[in-house]
Amino acid sequence: MSAFTVAAPLRVLCVHGYRQNSDSFRDKTGALRKLLKKHVEWVYINAPHSVSQRMDVLQGQEQKEVAKDEEDPRGWWFSDVQARSFDAGQVCEASLGLEESLEAVKKAVRELGPFDGILGFSQGAALVAMPLHIDRHTRNSSGDSSAREGLD
């Protein structure tokens, strides 16, 4: 009789893009989830900031079913502080809500983790890459070669 160990599924934190939410991102990753269902546990989180609905969506409210993206659009930060909007091409002096969003991801890692990886899309991918880049830059400039996690 041979004994074998079944590996626990990998746990992946999923961070949606701008104007999405955890439900819409879950829907959009359906094919990937189906492909890896026996190997990965997906954990989806919402951005802390509400995003106002676009005018073209508001004008089309006669549609019976609104896309999940538009039910509760969320954002990780705003590049236009006054308009509370985001444009990836916009050069900005400050990013409203960025610190709060970084803390929200850190909190998710602490409370829902541990995680084997992070799947980020668009603004969510940029968000989770920031602390890793900053941590790497800090280690390189200080000469510290220890392997620290940027989202601890």
C-alpha atoms as a PDB file:
ATOM      1  CA  MET A   1       0.000   0.000   0.000  1.00  0.00           C
ATOM      2  CA  SER A   2       1.458   3.367  -0.973  1.00  0.00           C
ATOM      3  CA  ALA A   3       0.801   6.600   0.825  1.00  0.00           C
ATOM      4  CA  PHE A   4       0.597   9.877  -1.020  1.00  0.00           C
ATOM      5  CA  THR A   5      -0.086  13.417  -0.023  1.00  0.00           C
ATOM      6  CA  VAL A   6      -2.566  15.537  -1.887  1.00  0.00           C
ATOM      7  CA  ALA A   7      -1.213  19.056  -2.225  1.00  0.00           C
ATOM      8  CA  ALA A   8      -3.438  21.827  -0.916  1.00  0.00           C
ATOM      9  CA  PRO A   9      -4.656  24.174  -3.621  1.00  0.00           C
ATOM     10  CA  LEU A  10      -2.689  27.347  -4.193  1.00  0.00           C
ATOM     11  CA  ARG A  11      -4.364  30.461  -2.802  1.00  0.00           C
ATOM     12  CA  VAL A  12      -4.448  33.499  -5.076  1.00  0.00           C
ATOM     13  CA  LEU A  13      -5.560  37.006  -4.109  1.00  0.00           C
ATOM     14  CA  CYS A  14      -7.470  38.631  -6.987  1.00  0.00           C
ATOM     15  CA  VAL A  15      -7.410  42.426  -7.373  1.00  0.00           C
ATOM     16  CA  HIS A  16      -9.780  43.876  -9.981  1.00  0.00           C
ATOM     17  CA  GLY A  17      -9.293  46.831 -12.301  1.00  0.00           C
ATOM     18  CA  TYR A  18     -10.796  50.326 -12.327  1.00  0.00           C
ATOM     19  CA  ARG A  19     -14.606  50.451 -12.720  1.00  0.00           C
ATOM     20  CA  GLN A  20     -14.858  46.778 -11.783  1.00  0.00           C
ATOM     21  CA  ASN A  21     -15.624  44.975  -8.544  1.00  0.00           C
ATOM     22  CA  SER A  22     -14.869  41.571  -7.069  1.00  0.00           C
ATOM     23  CA  ASP A  23     -17.994  39.995  -8.613  1.00  0.00           C
ATOM     24  CA  SER A  24     -17.323  41.277 -12.117  1.00  0.00           C
ATOM     25  CA  PHE A  25     -13.655  40.251 -11.924  1.00  0.00           C
ATOM     26  CA  ARG A  26     -14.721  36.806 -10.729  1.00  0.00           C
ATOM     27  CA  ASP A  27     -16.998  36.529 -13.774  1.00  0.00           C
ATOM     28  CA  LYS A  28     -14.243  37.665 -16.138  1.00  0.00           C
ATOM     29  CA  THR A  29     -11.840  35.054 -14.805  1.00  0.00           C
ATOM     30  CA  GLY A  30     -14.370  32.247 -15.188  1.00  0.00           C
ATOM     31  CA  ALA A  31     -12.471  30.312 -17.866  1.00  0.00           C
ATOM     32  CA  LEU A  32      -9.246  30.488 -15.847  1.00  0.00           C
ATOM     33  CA  ARG A  33     -11.050  29.420 -12.664  1.00  0.00           C
ATOM     34  CA  LYS A  34     -12.622  26.470 -14.489  1.00  0.00           C
ATOM     35  CA  LEU A  35      -9.260  25.393 -15.917  1.00  0.00           C
ATOM     36  CA  LEU A  36      -7.538  25.526 -12.522  1.00  0.00           C
ATOM     37  CA  LYS A  37     -10.451  24.688 -10.198  1.00  0.00           C
ATOM     38  CA  LYS A  38      -8.763  21.707  -8.568  1.00  0.00           C
ATOM     39  CA  HIS A  39      -5.486  23.541  -8.090  1.00  0.00           C
ATOM     40  CA  VAL A  40      -6.318  27.104  -7.038  1.00  0.00           C
ATOM     41  CA  GLU A  41      -8.513  28.791  -4.458  1.00  0.00           C
ATOM     42  CA  TRP A  42      -9.391  32.297  -5.672  1.00  0.00           C
ATOM     43  CA  VAL A  43      -9.970  35.102  -3.144  1.00  0.00           C
ATOM     44  CA  TYR A  44     -11.482  38.287  -4.599  1.00  0.00           C
ATOM     45  CA  ILE A  45     -11.479  41.670  -2.853  1.00  0.00           C
ATOM     46  CA  ASN A  46     -13.138  45.016  -3.604  1.00  0.00           C
ATOM     47  CA  ALA A  47     -11.408  48.381  -3.945  1.00  0.00           C
ATOM     48  CA  PRO A  48     -12.346  50.762  -1.127  1.00  0.00           C
ATOM     49  CA  HIS A  49     -13.487  53.615  -3.388  1.00  0.00           C
ATOM     50  CA  SER A  50     -16.812  53.936  -5.204  1.00  0.00           C
ATOM     51  CA  VAL A  51     -16.601  55.277  -8.731  1.00  0.00           C
ATOM     52  CA  SER A  52     -19.470  57.304 -10.151  1.00  0.00           C
ATOM     53  CA  GLN A  53     -21.213  55.673 -13.072  1.00  0.00           C
ATOM     54  CA  ARG A  54     -20.369  56.870 -16.560  1.00  0.00           C
ATOM     55  CA  MET A  55     -22.853  59.166 -18.270  1.00  0.00           C
ATOM     56  CA  ASP A  56     -23.400  56.764 -21.182  1.00  0.00           C
ATOM     57  CA  VAL A  57     -24.467  54.079 -18.706  1.00  0.00           C
ATOM     58  CA  LEU A  58     -26.749  56.451 -16.806  1.00  0.00           C
ATOM     59  CA  GLN A  59     -28.444  57.514 -20.047  1.00  0.00           C
ATOM     60  CA  GLY A  60     -28.980  53.858 -20.991  1.00  0.00           C
ATOM     61  CA  GLN A  61     -30.775  52.962 -17.746  1.00  0.00           C
ATOM     62  CA  GLU A  62     -33.758  51.652 -19.689  1.00  0.00           C
ATOM     63  CA  GLN A  63     -31.802  48.422 -20.107  1.00  0.00           C
ATOM     64  CA  LYS A  64     -33.316  45.846 -17.775  1.00  0.00           C
ATOM     65  CA  GLU A  65     -30.017  44.362 -16.740  1.00  0.00           C
ATOM     66  CA  VAL A  66     -26.973  46.458 -15.947  1.00  0.00           C
ATOM     67  CA  ALA A  67     -23.587  44.802 -16.425  1.00  0.00           C
ATOM     68  CA  LYS A  68     -21.975  43.633 -13.175  1.00  0.00           C
ATOM     69  CA  ASP A  69     -19.135  46.115 -13.774  1.00  0.00           C
ATOM     70  CA  GLU A  70     -21.664  48.930 -13.557  1.00  0.00           C
ATOM     71  CA  GLU A  71     -23.624  47.647 -10.542  1.00  0.00           C
ATOM     72  CA  ASP A  72     -20.988  48.831  -8.082  1.00  0.00           C
ATOM     73  CA  PRO A  73     -17.965  50.221  -9.945  1.00  0.00           C
ATOM     74  CA  ARG A  74     -14.917  50.533  -7.701  1.00  0.00           C
ATOM     75  CA  GLY A  75     -11.471  52.076  -7.995  1.00  0.00           C
ATOM     76  CA  TRP A  76      -8.158  51.773  -6.192  1.00  0.00           C
ATOM     77  CA  TRP A  77      -7.197  55.440  -6.632  1.00  0.00           C
ATOM     78  CA  PHE A  78      -8.087  58.549  -8.635  1.00  0.00           C
ATOM     79  CA  SER A  79      -5.616  60.398 -10.841  1.00  0.00           C
ATOM     80  CA  ASP A  80      -7.930  63.425 -11.079  1.00  0.00           C
ATOM     81  CA  VAL A  81      -8.450  64.477  -7.470  1.00  0.00           C
ATOM     82  CA  GLN A  82     -11.181  67.035  -8.234  1.00  0.00           C
ATOM     83  CA  ALA A  83     -13.265  64.877 -10.571  1.00  0.00           C
ATOM     84  CA  ARG A  84     -12.589  61.679  -8.577  1.00  0.00           C
ATOM     85  CA  SER A  85     -11.786  59.827 -11.777  1.00  0.00           C
ATOM     86  CA  PHE A  86      -8.890  57.833 -13.179  1.00  0.00           C
ATOM     87  CA  ASP A  87      -7.084  58.006 -16.494  1.00  0.00           C
ATOM     88  CA  ALA A  88      -3.977  55.866 -16.940  1.00  0.00           C
ATOM     89  CA  GLY A  89      -2.468  58.426 -19.325  1.00  0.00           C
ATOM     90  CA  GLN A  90      -2.939  61.376 -17.001  1.00  0.00           C
ATOM     91  CA  VAL A  91       0.122  62.864 -15.339  1.00  0.00           C
ATOM     92  CA  CYS A  92      -0.854  63.810 -11.822  1.00  0.00           C
ATOM     93  CA  GLU A  93       0.710  65.381  -8.771  1.00  0.00           C
ATOM     94  CA  ALA A  94      -1.265  63.288  -6.257  1.00  0.00           C
ATOM     95  CA  SER A  95      -3.305  60.098  -6.365  1.00  0.00           C
ATOM     96  CA  LEU A  96      -6.380  60.363  -4.188  1.00  0.00           C
ATOM     97  CA  GLY A  97      -7.046  57.168  -2.224  1.00  0.00           C
ATOM     98  CA  LEU A  98      -3.829  55.336  -3.046  1.00  0.00           C
ATOM     99  CA  GLU A  99      -2.653  54.957   0.567  1.00  0.00           C
ATOM    100  CA  GLU A 100      -6.061  53.688   1.686  1.00  0.00           C
ATOM    101  CA  SER A 101      -6.054  51.120  -1.119  1.00  0.00           C
ATOM    102  CA  LEU A 102      -2.561  49.880  -0.291  1.00  0.00           C
ATOM    103  CA  GLU A 103      -3.717  49.437   3.307  1.00  0.00           C
ATOM    104  CA  ALA A 104      -6.831  47.551   2.124  1.00  0.00           C
ATOM    105  CA  VAL A 105      -4.678  45.062   0.208  1.00  0.00           C
ATOM    106  CA  LYS A 106      -2.279  44.686   3.146  1.00  0.00           C
ATOM    107  CA  LYS A 107      -5.255  44.061   5.427  1.00  0.00           C
ATOM    108  CA  ALA A 108      -6.608  41.419   3.040  1.00  0.00           C
ATOM    109  CA  VAL A 109      -3.213  39.695   3.013  1.00  0.00           C
ATOM    110  CA  ARG A 110      -3.101  39.731   6.832  1.00  0.00           C
ATOM    111  CA  GLU A 111      -6.703  38.670   7.430  1.00  0.00           C
ATOM    112  CA  LEU A 112      -7.440  36.397   4.462  1.00  0.00           C
ATOM    113  CA  GLY A 113      -3.947  35.059   3.739  1.00  0.00           C
ATOM    114  CA  PRO A 114      -1.589  33.461   3.408  1.00  0.00           C
ATOM    115  CA  PHE A 115      -1.469  33.625  -0.380  1.00  0.00           C
ATOM    116  CA  ASP A 116       0.753  31.888  -2.882  1.00  0.00           C
ATOM    117  CA  GLY A 117       0.254  34.601  -5.476  1.00  0.00           C
ATOM    118  CA  ILE A 118      -1.639  37.686  -6.563  1.00  0.00           C
ATOM    119  CA  LEU A 119      -3.624  38.141  -9.774  1.00  0.00           C
ATOM    120  CA  GLY A 120      -4.156  41.796 -10.572  1.00  0.00           C
ATOM    121  CA  PHE A 121      -5.859  43.328 -13.584  1.00  0.00           C
ATOM    122  CA  SER A 122      -5.175  46.812 -14.960  1.00  0.00           C
ATOM    123  CA  GLN A 123      -5.280  49.339 -12.098  1.00  0.00           C
ATOM    124  CA  GLY A 124      -5.302  46.438  -9.610  1.00  0.00           C
ATOM    125  CA  ALA A 125      -2.132  44.990 -11.149  1.00  0.00           C
ATOM    126  CA  ALA A 126      -0.401  48.356 -10.912  1.00  0.00           C
ATOM    127  CA  LEU A 127      -1.517  48.704  -7.306  1.00  0.00           C
ATOM    128  CA  VAL A 128      -0.084  45.388  -6.129  1.00  0.00           C
ATOM    129  CA  ALA A 129       3.145  45.933  -8.068  1.00  0.00           C
ATOM    130  CA  MET A 130       3.868  49.266  -6.321  1.00  0.00           C
ATOM    131  CA  PRO A 131       4.869  47.987  -2.862  1.00  0.00           C
ATOM    132  CA  LEU A 132       6.914  45.183  -4.403  1.00  0.00           C
ATOM    133  CA  HIS A 133       8.819  47.691  -6.549  1.00  0.00           C
ATOM    134  CA  ILE A 134       9.313  50.104  -3.649  1.00  0.00           C
ATOM    135  CA  ASP A 135      10.502  47.276  -1.398  1.00  0.00           C
ATOM    136  CA  ARG A 136      12.963  46.053  -4.021  1.00  0.00           C
ATOM    137  CA  HIS A 137      14.285  49.574  -4.623  1.00  0.00           C
ATOM    138  CA  THR A 138      14.666  50.136  -0.866  1.00  0.00           C
ATOM    139  CA  ARG A 139      16.590  46.878  -0.426  1.00  0.00           C
ATOM    140  CA  ASN A 140      18.870  47.620  -3.373  1.00  0.00           C
ATOM    141  CA  SER A 141      19.722  51.132  -2.210  1.00  0.00           C
ATOM    142  CA  SER A 142      20.333  50.067   1.394  1.00  0.00           C
ATOM    143  CA  GLY A 143      22.396  47.007   0.514  1.00  0.00           C
ATOM    144  CA  ASP A 144      19.944  44.742   2.366  1.00  0.00           C
ATOM    145  CA  SER A 145      19.588  41.520   0.436  1.00  0.00           C
ATOM    146  CA  SER A 146      17.021  39.880   2.721  1.00  0.00           C
ATOM    147  CA  ALA A 147      13.894  38.608   1.021  1.00  0.00           C
ATOM    148  CA  ARG A 148      11.100  40.728   2.456  1.00  0.00           C
ATOM    149  CA  GLU A 149       7.548  40.826   1.181  1.00  0.00           C
ATOM    150  CA  GLY A 150       6.234  44.183  -0.043  1.00  0.00           C
ATOM    151  CA  LEU A 151       2.694  43.486   1.143  1.00  0.00           C
ATOM    152  CA  ASP A 152       3.453  42.246   4.654  1.00  0.00           C
END
